[in-house]
């Protein structure tokens, strides 16, 4: 099989001439193709079959120990001008990037199959979806792309009809970290990745296309590509309100996306549209609408349990690919936080020894179709997307930052998003638990200069007067003993209820220099064991601490130089003045 698109055929031929594969396979996305690839990987030892009775059609993949997370220091944005990539990206000239990585691609697929993977990010019939083609020599990538995207014949038909697609070239190479690069060429709508089989580096439709290239496309075309979950919250009257929320990886995004309201919230429901990425555009009515460009979840599994995320646990009981989890002797997957059992084998397949670290890798994953989630909503397939009433930013902050606050305006809210800080997690290589600025949770994913990206966000205020309100949350505040002050998980519904009420101007709030916080009795605490003093601490503002925070924020923002939006300087000045009052 080949394509009716001459440019696509020519590109595939050129890559085959460079990489010299044994075979070329054009993926159709059928179930038979998926099962054939699964059987091939089982035979090769790339997958292990899990317990067929308790985890039917589930498999375990073990990565090379050097290839278990995104490698941000080896990820580049290649633009003609360095300032266009910005200080938020590693930069290389396009010609230099192509030369460096193409030398590594030469002959890299000898003896392997070259898979051509046409895919669509978003519903096939949505005008807001965008297509791509990934060429890869990894069957693991192919089966994951089938789960994570609309992959195969239908996507190819859309490409042939519209003529445009993002080009993604991937090879696992020899998995040598010294020959590992992830290159993005935004102006060419091209991605090249070699030397890694890890999801964020290898599933090119995910972070590479949906965010790095997607954010560039979004700016050029007038929309937003964001690292955000999308949920619909339905009240007992049947009214559904949608919100989008951005958190750095492993900070509770998937838990919030699949939240189950506490027992006291009779009649309330939460519907999952997406757990990771939102593409947002202004609709004909002036409101902001969002589609989830993905069709599956590639979630961090440690910590997932009946307490923290029962919906996720039900979702991944069947037809799931696990990566780098531990294993019980009976063939069931295991990870820290699941239950009190002791696994027999760690994520590398060795007999489990607690002295050698966690049994499951801290960044171990599950890949599963979104439609398996009990809280999945068919609204995820709406061509126009769902209307967004609130945008929520958040991070992992042990002190200072209150449980929730509302921004004072769209401009102020954009600056709140730009100044988000969070403790680092195991989703990327490097130290864990270090506080870093992660604007809009997009630090590793924005495909161009952050200052230009913030200006693009600010420009929406001139295009609509019906934009969502912007909020900031912090589930991770700790007391003097290092204990979490807020129960989190399902009880985050209490904060969401307040946010929804604020979007409809149904409840008052206390104005502070950093925004609006709940009144003393503003949060619904029915059935919740929490003291009034703890609630007060969670929603209080420390002027001295916030003056220091504003100084740190300004220092960070000024690293973007002359391109920094002037509106941010004005917002900072006003907040500091109010803190001095």
Protein backbone atom coordinates (compact mmCIF):
# COMPACT_ATOMS: atom_id res chain seq x y z
CA UNK A 1 0.00 0.00 0.00
CA UNK A 2 1.07 3.55 -0.69
CA UNK A 3 -0.69 6.90 -0.62
CA UNK A 4 -2.45 8.95 -3.26
CA UNK A 5 -0.49 11.90 -1.84
CA UNK A 6 2.63 12.21 -3.99
CA UNK A 7 4.51 14.28 -1.40
CA UNK A 8 3.93 11.60 1.24
CA UNK A 9 5.11 8.82 -1.07
CA UNK A 10 8.19 10.79 -2.00
CA UNK A 11 9.02 11.43 1.67
CA UNK A 12 8.61 7.76 2.60
CA UNK A 13 10.85 6.76 -0.32
CA UNK A 14 13.52 9.27 0.74
CA UNK A 15 13.51 7.97 4.33
CA UNK A 16 13.72 4.38 3.13
CA UNK A 17 16.74 5.36 1.01
CA UNK A 18 18.35 6.93 4.09
CA UNK A 19 17.57 4.24 6.66
CA UNK A 20 17.61 1.07 4.48
CA UNK A 21 14.85 -0.97 6.18
CA UNK A 22 14.22 -4.63 5.40
CA UNK A 23 10.49 -4.05 4.91
CA UNK A 24 8.03 -1.16 4.61
CA UNK A 25 4.58 -1.49 6.20
CA UNK A 26 1.82 1.10 5.77
CA UNK A 27 -0.34 0.94 8.89
CA UNK A 28 -4.09 0.60 8.49
CA UNK A 29 -5.07 0.85 12.16
CA UNK A 30 -7.14 -2.35 12.08
CA UNK A 31 -7.59 -4.66 15.03
CA UNK A 32 -5.98 -7.51 13.08
CA UNK A 33 -2.88 -5.38 12.48
CA UNK A 34 -2.72 -4.51 16.18
CA UNK A 35 -3.00 -8.15 17.25
CA UNK A 36 -0.37 -9.24 14.74
CA UNK A 37 2.07 -6.66 16.12
CA UNK A 38 1.29 -7.72 19.69
CA UNK A 39 1.99 -11.36 18.84
CA UNK A 40 5.23 -10.41 17.10
CA UNK A 41 6.43 -8.46 20.16
CA UNK A 42 5.44 -11.30 22.48
CA UNK A 43 7.51 -13.67 20.36
CA UNK A 44 10.46 -11.26 20.33
CA UNK A 45 10.28 -10.66 24.09
CA UNK A 46 9.43 -6.96 23.68
CA UNK A 47 6.16 -7.59 25.52
CA UNK A 48 5.11 -9.92 28.31
CA UNK A 49 1.53 -11.19 28.57
CA UNK A 50 -0.05 -10.33 31.91
CA UNK A 51 -2.54 -12.45 33.83
CA UNK A 52 -5.29 -13.24 31.30
CA UNK A 53 -7.98 -13.75 33.94
CA UNK A 54 -7.50 -10.59 36.00
CA UNK A 55 -5.90 -8.40 33.28
CA UNK A 56 -7.21 -9.65 29.92
CA UNK A 57 -5.40 -8.36 26.82
CA UNK A 58 -2.85 -6.52 28.96
CA UNK A 59 0.89 -6.49 28.32
CA UNK A 60 4.09 -5.31 29.98
CA UNK A 61 6.91 -3.56 28.14
CA UNK A 62 10.28 -3.00 29.82
CA UNK A 63 12.41 -0.10 28.64
CA UNK A 64 16.16 0.13 28.48
CA UNK A 65 17.18 1.51 31.94
CA UNK A 66 18.69 4.58 30.23
CA UNK A 67 15.42 5.31 28.42
CA UNK A 68 12.65 5.84 30.94
CA UNK A 69 11.67 9.53 30.69
CA UNK A 70 11.71 12.57 28.43
CA UNK A 71 15.24 13.80 27.77
CA UNK A 72 14.68 17.55 27.80
CA UNK A 73 18.39 18.38 27.52
CA UNK A 74 18.51 16.45 24.24
CA UNK A 75 15.34 18.02 22.85
CA UNK A 76 15.78 20.91 20.40
CA UNK A 77 13.68 23.47 18.57
CA UNK A 78 15.38 24.38 15.30
CA UNK A 79 14.55 27.83 13.93
CA UNK A 80 16.51 30.25 11.72
CA UNK A 81 16.68 32.80 14.57
CA UNK A 82 17.61 31.72 18.10
CA UNK A 83 15.26 34.28 19.68
CA UNK A 84 12.30 32.64 17.95
CA UNK A 85 12.95 29.44 19.94
CA UNK A 86 13.49 31.48 23.11
CA UNK A 87 15.34 30.74 26.34
CA UNK A 88 12.70 28.11 27.18
CA UNK A 89 14.08 25.82 24.44
CA UNK A 90 17.37 24.28 23.44
CA UNK A 91 18.12 25.73 20.00
CA UNK A 92 19.93 24.70 16.86
CA UNK A 93 19.97 26.04 13.31
CA UNK A 94 17.69 23.91 11.09
CA UNK A 95 20.51 22.96 8.72
CA UNK A 96 22.71 21.91 11.64
CA UNK A 97 19.88 19.96 13.25
CA UNK A 98 19.08 18.04 10.08
CA UNK A 99 22.74 17.25 9.46
CA UNK A 100 23.42 16.06 13.01
CA UNK A 101 20.41 13.77 13.24
CA UNK A 102 20.36 12.54 9.63
CA UNK A 103 23.86 11.17 10.10
CA UNK A 104 22.45 9.04 12.91
CA UNK A 105 19.50 7.91 10.79
CA UNK A 106 21.73 6.64 8.01
CA UNK A 107 21.28 2.84 7.74
CA UNK A 108 19.65 2.74 11.21
CA UNK A 109 16.74 0.53 10.08
CA UNK A 110 18.80 -2.26 8.49
CA UNK A 111 17.10 -5.57 9.20
CA UNK A 112 14.05 -3.79 10.62
CA UNK A 113 10.58 -2.91 9.38
CA UNK A 114 9.82 0.71 8.53
CA UNK A 115 6.28 1.46 9.66
CA UNK A 116 4.34 4.34 8.06
CA UNK A 117 1.82 5.54 10.66
CA UNK A 118 -0.79 8.06 9.41
CA UNK A 119 -2.68 9.57 12.33
CA UNK A 120 -5.17 12.29 13.18
CA UNK A 121 -4.94 14.38 16.35
CA UNK A 122 -8.56 15.01 17.28
CA UNK A 123 -11.85 13.68 15.90
CA UNK A 124 -11.46 12.65 12.24
CA UNK A 125 -14.24 14.98 11.07
CA UNK A 126 -13.32 18.02 13.20
CA UNK A 127 -12.05 21.12 11.40
CA UNK A 128 -9.88 21.72 14.47
CA UNK A 129 -8.00 18.41 14.18
CA UNK A 130 -4.59 18.17 12.52
CA UNK A 131 -2.94 15.16 10.90
CA UNK A 132 0.53 13.72 10.87
CA UNK A 133 2.51 10.76 9.65
CA UNK A 134 5.10 9.06 11.84
CA UNK A 135 7.72 6.83 10.29
CA UNK A 136 9.16 4.49 12.92
CA UNK A 137 11.00 1.18 13.26
CA UNK A 138 9.32 0.39 16.60
CA UNK A 139 6.29 -1.91 16.77
CA UNK A 140 5.82 -0.67 20.36
CA UNK A 141 5.38 2.84 19.00
CA UNK A 142 2.86 1.64 16.41
CA UNK A 143 0.58 -0.10 18.91
CA UNK A 144 0.76 2.87 21.27
CA UNK A 145 -0.05 5.28 18.44
CA UNK A 146 -3.10 3.16 17.59
CA UNK A 147 -4.33 3.62 21.16
CA UNK A 148 -3.32 7.28 21.53
CA UNK A 149 -4.50 8.67 18.15
CA UNK A 150 -7.02 8.09 15.38
CA UNK A 151 -4.51 6.07 13.38
CA UNK A 152 -4.68 4.33 10.03
CA UNK A 153 -6.81 4.37 6.89
CA UNK A 154 -9.25 7.11 7.97
CA UNK A 155 -6.39 9.44 8.92
CA UNK A 156 -4.65 8.75 5.59
CA UNK A 157 -7.86 9.56 3.73
CA UNK A 158 -8.05 12.91 5.51
CA UNK A 159 -4.40 13.63 4.66
CA UNK A 160 -5.06 12.80 1.00
CA UNK A 161 -8.12 15.05 1.00
CA UNK A 162 -6.51 18.04 2.73
CA UNK A 163 -2.94 17.58 1.53
CA UNK A 164 -1.18 18.73 4.70
CA UNK A 165 0.44 16.73 7.48
CA UNK A 166 3.17 16.94 10.11
CA UNK A 167 6.16 14.75 9.23
CA UNK A 168 7.62 12.69 12.08
CA UNK A 169 10.64 10.44 11.70
CA UNK A 170 11.59 8.12 14.55
CA UNK A 171 14.01 5.29 15.17
CA UNK A 172 15.03 3.62 18.39
CA UNK A 173 18.55 3.55 16.92
CA UNK A 174 20.85 1.74 19.31
CA UNK A 175 19.29 3.37 22.43
CA UNK A 176 22.65 5.00 23.21
CA UNK A 177 21.98 8.22 25.09
CA UNK A 178 25.02 9.77 23.40
CA UNK A 179 23.23 9.29 20.07
CA UNK A 180 19.80 10.40 21.25
CA UNK A 181 18.10 13.56 19.99
CA UNK A 182 14.57 14.87 19.58
CA UNK A 183 14.56 17.64 16.97
CA UNK A 184 11.65 19.91 16.04
CA UNK A 185 11.55 22.05 12.91
CA UNK A 186 8.38 24.15 13.44
CA UNK A 187 8.52 26.10 10.20
CA UNK A 188 8.80 22.81 8.29
CA UNK A 189 6.16 21.03 10.44
CA UNK A 190 8.75 18.29 10.94
CA UNK A 191 9.93 16.17 13.88
CA UNK A 192 12.96 13.87 14.00
CA UNK A 193 13.68 11.63 16.99
CA UNK A 194 16.33 8.94 17.39
CA UNK A 195 17.82 6.82 20.15
CA UNK A 196 14.77 6.49 22.41
CA UNK A 197 11.72 4.27 22.65
CA UNK A 198 10.18 6.20 25.57
CA UNK A 199 6.68 7.57 24.97
CA UNK A 200 7.35 11.30 25.15
CA UNK A 201 10.35 10.94 22.85
CA UNK A 202 8.95 8.29 20.50
CA UNK A 203 5.14 8.68 20.25
CA UNK A 204 5.56 11.72 18.04
CA UNK A 205 1.86 12.55 17.94
CA UNK A 206 1.91 13.26 21.67
CA UNK A 207 4.15 15.99 23.11
CA UNK A 208 6.17 16.55 19.92
CA UNK A 209 3.24 17.17 17.57
CA UNK A 210 0.32 17.98 19.86
CA UNK A 211 2.30 20.57 21.84
CA UNK A 212 5.66 21.63 20.38
CA UNK A 213 4.64 21.71 16.72
CA UNK A 214 0.99 22.22 17.69
CA UNK A 215 1.73 25.38 19.68
CA UNK A 216 3.55 26.80 16.66
CA UNK A 217 0.63 25.93 14.38
CA UNK A 218 -1.79 27.37 16.94
CA UNK A 219 -0.04 30.73 17.07
CA UNK A 220 0.08 30.95 13.28
CA UNK A 221 -3.58 29.94 12.91
CA UNK A 222 -5.06 31.75 15.92
CA UNK A 223 -5.77 29.00 18.47
CA UNK A 224 -4.09 27.47 21.55
CA UNK A 225 -2.36 24.08 21.97
CA UNK A 226 -2.11 23.44 25.70
CA UNK A 227 -0.91 20.87 28.23
CA UNK A 228 -4.36 20.69 29.83
CA UNK A 229 -6.97 18.19 30.93
CA UNK A 230 -10.62 18.79 30.00
CA UNK A 231 -13.50 17.77 32.27
CA UNK A 232 -17.22 18.33 32.30
CA UNK A 233 -18.82 18.86 35.71
CA UNK A 234 -22.53 18.09 35.91
CA UNK A 235 -24.65 19.35 38.81
CA UNK A 236 -27.76 17.59 40.16
CA UNK A 237 -29.91 19.69 37.81
CA UNK A 238 -28.15 18.17 34.80
CA UNK A 239 -26.24 21.33 33.86
CA UNK A 240 -22.77 20.52 32.54
CA UNK A 241 -19.87 22.98 32.74
CA UNK A 242 -16.48 22.30 31.19
CA UNK A 243 -13.12 23.38 32.57
CA UNK A 244 -9.54 22.98 31.33
CA UNK A 245 -6.63 22.63 33.76
CA UNK A 246 -2.84 22.66 33.43
CA UNK A 247 -0.50 20.90 35.85
CA UNK A 248 3.08 19.69 35.36
CA UNK A 249 3.43 15.93 34.82
CA UNK A 250 2.74 13.66 37.81
CA UNK A 251 0.96 16.43 39.74
CA UNK A 252 -2.53 14.94 39.70
CA UNK A 253 -3.83 15.76 36.23
CA UNK A 254 -5.13 12.29 35.49
CA UNK A 255 -6.66 12.04 38.98
CA UNK A 256 -8.54 15.30 38.42
CA UNK A 257 -9.57 14.30 34.89
CA UNK A 258 -11.24 11.15 36.28
CA UNK A 259 -12.41 12.58 39.60
CA UNK A 260 -15.28 10.95 41.48
CA UNK A 261 -17.17 13.43 43.69
CA UNK A 262 -17.28 12.68 47.45
CA UNK A 263 -20.32 10.90 48.91
CA UNK A 264 -21.89 14.17 50.09
CA UNK A 265 -22.12 15.38 46.47
CA UNK A 266 -25.27 13.46 45.59
CA UNK A 267 -26.24 13.87 41.94
CA UNK A 268 -22.92 15.43 40.85
CA UNK A 269 -20.97 13.79 38.01
CA UNK A 270 -17.59 14.42 36.42
CA UNK A 271 -17.09 13.56 32.75
CA UNK A 272 -13.66 12.99 31.21
CA UNK A 273 -12.97 14.63 27.86
CA UNK A 274 -9.17 14.45 28.12
CA UNK A 275 -6.41 14.02 30.69
CA UNK A 276 -3.41 15.74 29.11
CA UNK A 277 -3.82 18.01 26.07
CA UNK A 278 -6.38 20.59 24.95
CA UNK A 279 -6.56 22.41 21.64
CA UNK A 280 -8.67 25.53 22.17
CA UNK A 281 -10.23 27.97 19.71
CA UNK A 282 -12.77 30.78 19.78
CA UNK A 283 -16.15 29.56 18.55
CA UNK A 284 -18.70 31.44 16.49
CA UNK A 285 -20.44 32.54 19.73
CA UNK A 286 -17.23 34.09 21.11
CA UNK A 287 -16.66 31.41 23.74
CA UNK A 288 -13.50 29.33 23.99
CA UNK A 289 -13.97 25.72 22.86
CA UNK A 290 -11.62 22.77 23.34
CA UNK A 291 -11.01 19.43 21.69
CA UNK A 292 -8.86 16.65 23.09
CA UNK A 293 -6.50 15.76 20.22
CA UNK A 294 -5.75 12.37 21.77
CA UNK A 295 -7.79 9.16 21.76
CA UNK A 296 -6.08 7.50 24.72
CA UNK A 297 -4.31 8.00 28.02
CA UNK A 298 -0.55 7.66 28.55
CA UNK A 299 -0.67 8.05 32.31
CA UNK A 300 1.77 7.80 35.20
CA UNK A 301 0.68 4.70 37.12
CA UNK A 302 2.45 4.82 40.56
CA UNK A 303 0.07 6.08 43.21
CA UNK A 304 -3.02 4.94 41.29
CA UNK A 305 -5.35 3.03 43.61
CA UNK A 306 -8.96 2.57 44.61
CA UNK A 307 -8.52 5.58 46.91
CA UNK A 308 -6.69 8.00 44.61
CA UNK A 309 -8.26 7.23 41.23
CA UNK A 310 -10.78 4.37 41.11
CA UNK A 311 -11.84 5.33 37.58
CA UNK A 312 -8.29 5.00 36.28
CA UNK A 313 -7.91 1.66 38.02
CA UNK A 314 -11.08 0.36 36.32
CA UNK A 315 -9.91 1.78 32.99
CA UNK A 316 -6.64 -0.15 33.00
CA UNK A 317 -8.01 -3.56 34.06
CA UNK A 318 -8.11 -4.75 30.43
CA UNK A 319 -6.70 -3.96 26.96
CA UNK A 320 -3.83 -1.92 28.39
CA UNK A 321 -0.12 -1.68 27.67
CA UNK A 322 1.94 -1.17 30.83
CA UNK A 323 5.49 0.17 30.70
CA UNK A 324 8.09 -0.32 33.46
CA UNK A 325 5.78 -1.50 36.24
CA UNK A 326 6.68 -4.28 38.68
CA UNK A 327 5.30 -7.79 38.40
CA UNK A 328 3.67 -10.31 40.71
CA UNK A 329 4.49 -14.02 40.34
CA UNK A 330 0.93 -14.61 39.11
CA UNK A 331 1.49 -12.24 36.19
CA UNK A 332 -0.37 -9.23 37.58
CA UNK A 333 1.19 -5.76 37.29
CA UNK A 334 2.09 -3.91 40.49
CA UNK A 335 3.24 -0.43 41.42
CA UNK A 336 3.83 1.61 44.54
CA UNK A 337 0.54 2.83 45.99
CA UNK A 338 -1.60 0.08 44.43
CA UNK A 339 -1.96 -2.13 47.53
CA UNK A 340 0.04 -3.72 50.36
CA UNK A 341 1.32 -6.72 48.44
CA UNK A 342 5.04 -7.21 47.80
CA UNK A 343 5.92 -7.74 44.12
CA UNK A 344 8.17 -10.57 42.98
CA UNK A 345 9.96 -8.72 40.17
CA UNK A 346 10.97 -5.09 39.76
CA UNK A 347 10.47 -3.01 36.60
CA UNK A 348 13.68 -4.37 35.08
CA UNK A 349 12.62 -8.00 35.62
CA UNK A 350 15.00 -8.63 38.52
CA UNK A 351 13.85 -10.25 41.79
CA UNK A 352 12.51 -7.36 43.85
CA UNK A 353 14.94 -5.98 46.42
CA UNK A 354 13.64 -2.97 48.42
CA UNK A 355 17.23 -1.87 49.02
CA UNK A 356 17.61 -1.17 45.31
CA UNK A 357 14.78 1.34 45.06
CA UNK A 358 11.13 1.29 44.00
CA UNK A 359 9.72 -1.85 42.42
CA UNK A 360 7.96 0.08 39.65
CA UNK A 361 9.82 2.91 37.98
CA UNK A 362 8.47 6.25 39.36
CA UNK A 363 7.61 7.22 35.76
CA UNK A 364 6.07 3.87 34.80
CA UNK A 365 3.07 4.24 32.52
CA UNK A 366 -0.15 2.82 31.18
CA UNK A 367 -1.44 3.27 27.63
CA UNK A 368 -5.17 2.74 27.26
CA UNK A 369 -8.06 3.85 25.06
CA UNK A 370 -9.98 6.79 26.54
CA UNK A 371 -13.31 5.12 25.78
CA UNK A 372 -12.55 2.47 28.43
CA UNK A 373 -12.77 5.07 31.21
CA UNK A 374 -16.04 4.84 33.21
CA UNK A 375 -16.28 8.65 33.20
CA UNK A 376 -15.55 9.04 29.46
CA UNK A 377 -18.05 11.21 27.60
CA UNK A 378 -18.95 11.02 23.91
CA UNK A 379 -18.61 14.82 23.95
CA UNK A 380 -14.92 14.09 23.37
CA UNK A 381 -15.88 13.32 19.76
CA UNK A 382 -17.74 16.60 19.19
CA UNK A 383 -16.29 18.21 16.07
CA UNK A 384 -16.56 21.72 17.53
CA UNK A 385 -15.30 20.65 20.95
CA UNK A 386 -16.76 21.65 24.32
CA UNK A 387 -17.17 25.21 25.68
CA UNK A 388 -14.67 26.09 28.42
CA UNK A 389 -15.94 28.17 31.36
CA UNK A 390 -12.79 28.13 33.51
CA UNK A 391 -9.07 27.63 33.00
CA UNK A 392 -7.17 26.31 36.03
CA UNK A 393 -3.42 26.43 36.58
CA UNK A 394 -1.64 24.66 39.41
CA UNK A 395 1.55 23.15 40.70
CA UNK A 396 3.11 21.31 43.59
CA UNK A 397 3.83 24.02 46.20
CA UNK A 398 4.36 22.98 49.85
CA UNK A 399 3.85 26.49 51.20
CA UNK A 400 2.73 30.08 50.44
CA UNK A 401 0.34 29.41 47.54
CA UNK A 402 -3.30 29.13 48.68
CA UNK A 403 -5.63 26.25 47.90
CA UNK A 404 -7.43 28.28 45.24
CA UNK A 405 -7.57 31.83 43.96
CA UNK A 406 -9.20 33.53 41.00
CA UNK A 407 -7.32 35.98 38.80
CA UNK A 408 -8.48 39.57 38.59
CA UNK A 409 -8.67 39.69 34.78
CA UNK A 410 -7.68 37.76 31.66
CA UNK A 411 -4.36 39.63 31.55
CA UNK A 412 -3.66 38.92 35.21
CA UNK A 413 -4.68 35.29 34.71
CA UNK A 414 -2.27 34.86 31.82
CA UNK A 415 0.51 36.19 34.05
CA UNK A 416 -0.56 33.77 36.81
CA UNK A 417 -0.21 30.95 34.30
CA UNK A 418 3.13 32.30 33.09
CA UNK A 419 4.51 32.39 36.65
CA UNK A 420 3.44 28.87 37.71
CA UNK A 421 6.11 27.08 39.75
CA UNK A 422 6.15 23.45 40.80
CA UNK A 423 8.42 20.82 42.29
CA UNK A 424 9.92 18.59 39.59
CA UNK A 425 8.83 14.94 39.25
CA UNK A 426 10.14 11.74 37.68
CA UNK A 427 8.48 12.41 34.31
CA UNK A 428 11.71 14.01 33.06
CA UNK A 429 15.33 13.13 33.67
CA UNK A 430 17.08 15.14 36.41
CA UNK A 431 16.63 15.92 40.08
CA UNK A 432 13.21 15.39 41.68
CA UNK A 433 11.66 17.84 44.18
CA UNK A 434 13.36 20.99 42.86
CA UNK A 435 11.16 24.07 42.52
CA UNK A 436 11.17 25.41 38.97
CA UNK A 437 9.05 27.79 36.94
CA UNK A 438 6.83 25.86 34.55
CA UNK A 439 4.70 28.41 32.72
CA UNK A 440 1.26 27.00 31.90
CA UNK A 441 2.88 23.57 32.59
CA UNK A 442 4.36 24.08 29.11
CA UNK A 443 8.05 24.57 29.90
CA UNK A 444 9.18 21.37 28.17
CA UNK A 445 6.56 21.65 25.42
CA UNK A 446 6.19 25.16 23.99
CA UNK A 447 7.60 25.14 20.45
CA UNK A 448 8.64 28.78 20.38
CA UNK A 449 9.68 31.72 22.55
CA UNK A 450 7.60 31.84 25.75
CA UNK A 451 7.36 35.64 25.57
CA UNK A 452 5.70 35.39 22.14
CA UNK A 453 3.51 32.58 23.47
CA UNK A 454 2.30 34.78 26.36
CA UNK A 455 1.61 37.62 23.93
CA UNK A 456 -0.45 35.19 21.86
CA UNK A 457 -2.48 34.29 24.95
CA UNK A 458 -2.97 37.98 25.78
CA UNK A 459 -4.22 38.69 22.24
CA UNK A 460 -7.36 36.65 22.87
CA UNK A 461 -8.73 39.47 25.06
CA UNK A 462 -9.06 41.65 21.97
CA UNK A 463 -10.88 38.88 20.10
CA UNK A 464 -13.61 38.02 22.60
CA UNK A 465 -15.33 39.33 25.72
CA UNK A 466 -16.59 35.84 26.63
CA UNK A 467 -13.31 34.24 27.63
CA UNK A 468 -13.17 31.87 30.63
CA UNK A 469 -12.13 33.03 34.07
CA UNK A 470 -8.65 31.90 35.13
CA UNK A 471 -7.86 30.26 38.49
CA UNK A 472 -4.87 28.81 40.32
CA UNK A 473 -5.02 25.80 42.68
CA UNK A 474 -2.53 24.11 44.98
CA UNK A 475 -3.52 20.72 46.42
CA UNK A 476 -0.06 20.24 47.98
CA UNK A 477 0.13 22.80 50.80
CA UNK A 478 1.83 21.33 53.91
CA UNK A 479 1.71 22.20 57.60
CA UNK A 480 4.72 22.67 59.89
CA UNK A 481 4.96 18.87 60.29
CA UNK A 482 5.14 18.28 56.54
CA UNK A 483 1.60 16.85 56.41
CA UNK A 484 -0.74 17.75 53.55
CA UNK A 485 -3.39 20.19 54.75
CA UNK A 486 -5.96 19.38 52.06
CA UNK A 487 -7.24 15.81 51.51
CA UNK A 488 -7.17 16.15 47.70
CA UNK A 489 -8.39 13.51 45.23
CA UNK A 490 -12.22 13.35 45.22
CA UNK A 491 -12.46 16.22 47.68
CA UNK A 492 -10.99 18.53 45.05
CA UNK A 493 -14.61 18.58 43.83
CA UNK A 494 -15.25 21.09 46.63
CA UNK A 495 -12.81 23.51 45.04
CA UNK A 496 -14.23 22.88 41.57
CA UNK A 497 -17.73 23.67 42.89
CA UNK A 498 -16.47 27.06 44.14
CA UNK A 499 -14.73 27.71 40.81
CA UNK A 500 -17.94 26.94 38.88
CA UNK A 501 -19.96 29.20 41.17
CA UNK A 502 -17.45 32.01 40.56
CA UNK A 503 -17.72 31.60 36.79
CA UNK A 504 -21.45 32.25 37.16
CA UNK A 505 -20.99 35.03 39.76
CA UNK A 506 -23.08 33.01 42.22
CA UNK A 507 -20.86 33.37 45.32
CA UNK A 508 -18.86 36.25 46.78
CA UNK A 509 -15.09 36.11 47.33
CA UNK A 510 -12.41 38.02 49.24
CA UNK A 511 -10.27 40.30 47.12
CA UNK A 512 -6.54 40.10 47.87
CA UNK A 513 -3.52 41.57 46.06
CA UNK A 514 -2.99 38.25 44.21
CA UNK A 515 -6.64 37.62 43.32
CA UNK A 516 -9.92 36.42 44.81
CA UNK A 517 -9.98 33.69 47.49
CA UNK A 518 -12.98 31.94 49.10
CA UNK A 519 -14.71 33.50 52.08
CA UNK A 520 -14.32 31.74 55.44
CA UNK A 521 -17.37 29.55 54.73
CA UNK A 522 -17.03 29.70 50.95
CA UNK A 523 -16.08 26.06 50.43
CA UNK A 524 -18.52 23.20 50.96
CA UNK A 525 -17.03 21.14 53.82
CA UNK A 526 -19.99 18.83 54.43
CA UNK A 527 -18.66 15.42 55.41
CA UNK A 528 -15.08 16.70 55.48
CA UNK A 529 -12.94 16.49 58.61
CA UNK A 530 -10.97 19.72 58.46
CA UNK A 531 -10.65 22.48 61.05
CA UNK A 532 -11.63 26.10 60.51
CA UNK A 533 -8.07 27.19 61.27
CA UNK A 534 -6.66 24.84 58.62
CA UNK A 535 -9.13 26.16 56.06
CA UNK A 536 -8.20 29.70 56.98
CA UNK A 537 -4.50 28.89 56.50
CA UNK A 538 -5.20 27.24 53.16
CA UNK A 539 -6.93 30.33 51.83
CA UNK A 540 -4.84 33.05 53.51
CA UNK A 541 -2.28 35.36 51.93
CA UNK A 542 1.13 36.11 53.47
CA UNK A 543 2.04 39.60 52.15
CA UNK A 544 5.73 39.26 53.00
CA UNK A 545 6.00 35.86 51.36
CA UNK A 546 4.13 37.08 48.29
CA UNK A 547 6.40 40.11 47.91
CA UNK A 548 9.31 37.68 47.69
CA UNK A 549 7.31 35.52 45.27
CA UNK A 550 6.65 38.55 43.06
CA UNK A 551 10.36 39.40 43.09
CA UNK A 552 11.19 35.84 42.02
CA UNK A 553 8.45 35.96 39.38
CA UNK A 554 9.76 39.23 37.98
CA UNK A 555 13.31 37.89 37.90
CA UNK A 556 12.09 34.87 35.92
CA UNK A 557 9.94 36.83 33.50
CA UNK A 558 12.69 39.37 32.79
CA UNK A 559 14.88 36.58 31.42
CA UNK A 560 12.70 36.87 28.30
CA UNK A 561 14.03 40.35 27.63
CA UNK A 562 12.47 42.81 25.23
CA UNK A 563 9.86 40.34 24.01
CA UNK A 564 8.23 40.15 27.47
CA UNK A 565 4.70 41.58 27.27
CA UNK A 566 4.57 45.05 28.81
CA UNK A 567 1.26 44.09 30.42
CA UNK A 568 3.10 41.68 32.72
CA UNK A 569 5.28 44.46 34.11
CA UNK A 570 2.17 46.50 34.88
CA UNK A 571 0.46 43.56 36.61
CA UNK A 572 3.53 42.88 38.75
CA UNK A 573 3.80 46.55 39.71
CA UNK A 574 0.14 46.69 40.75
CA UNK A 575 0.35 43.51 42.87
CA UNK A 576 3.46 44.73 44.71
CA UNK A 577 1.81 48.10 45.37
CA UNK A 578 -1.24 46.38 46.85
CA UNK A 579 0.95 44.10 49.00
CA UNK A 580 2.61 47.23 50.43
CA UNK A 581 -0.71 48.79 51.41
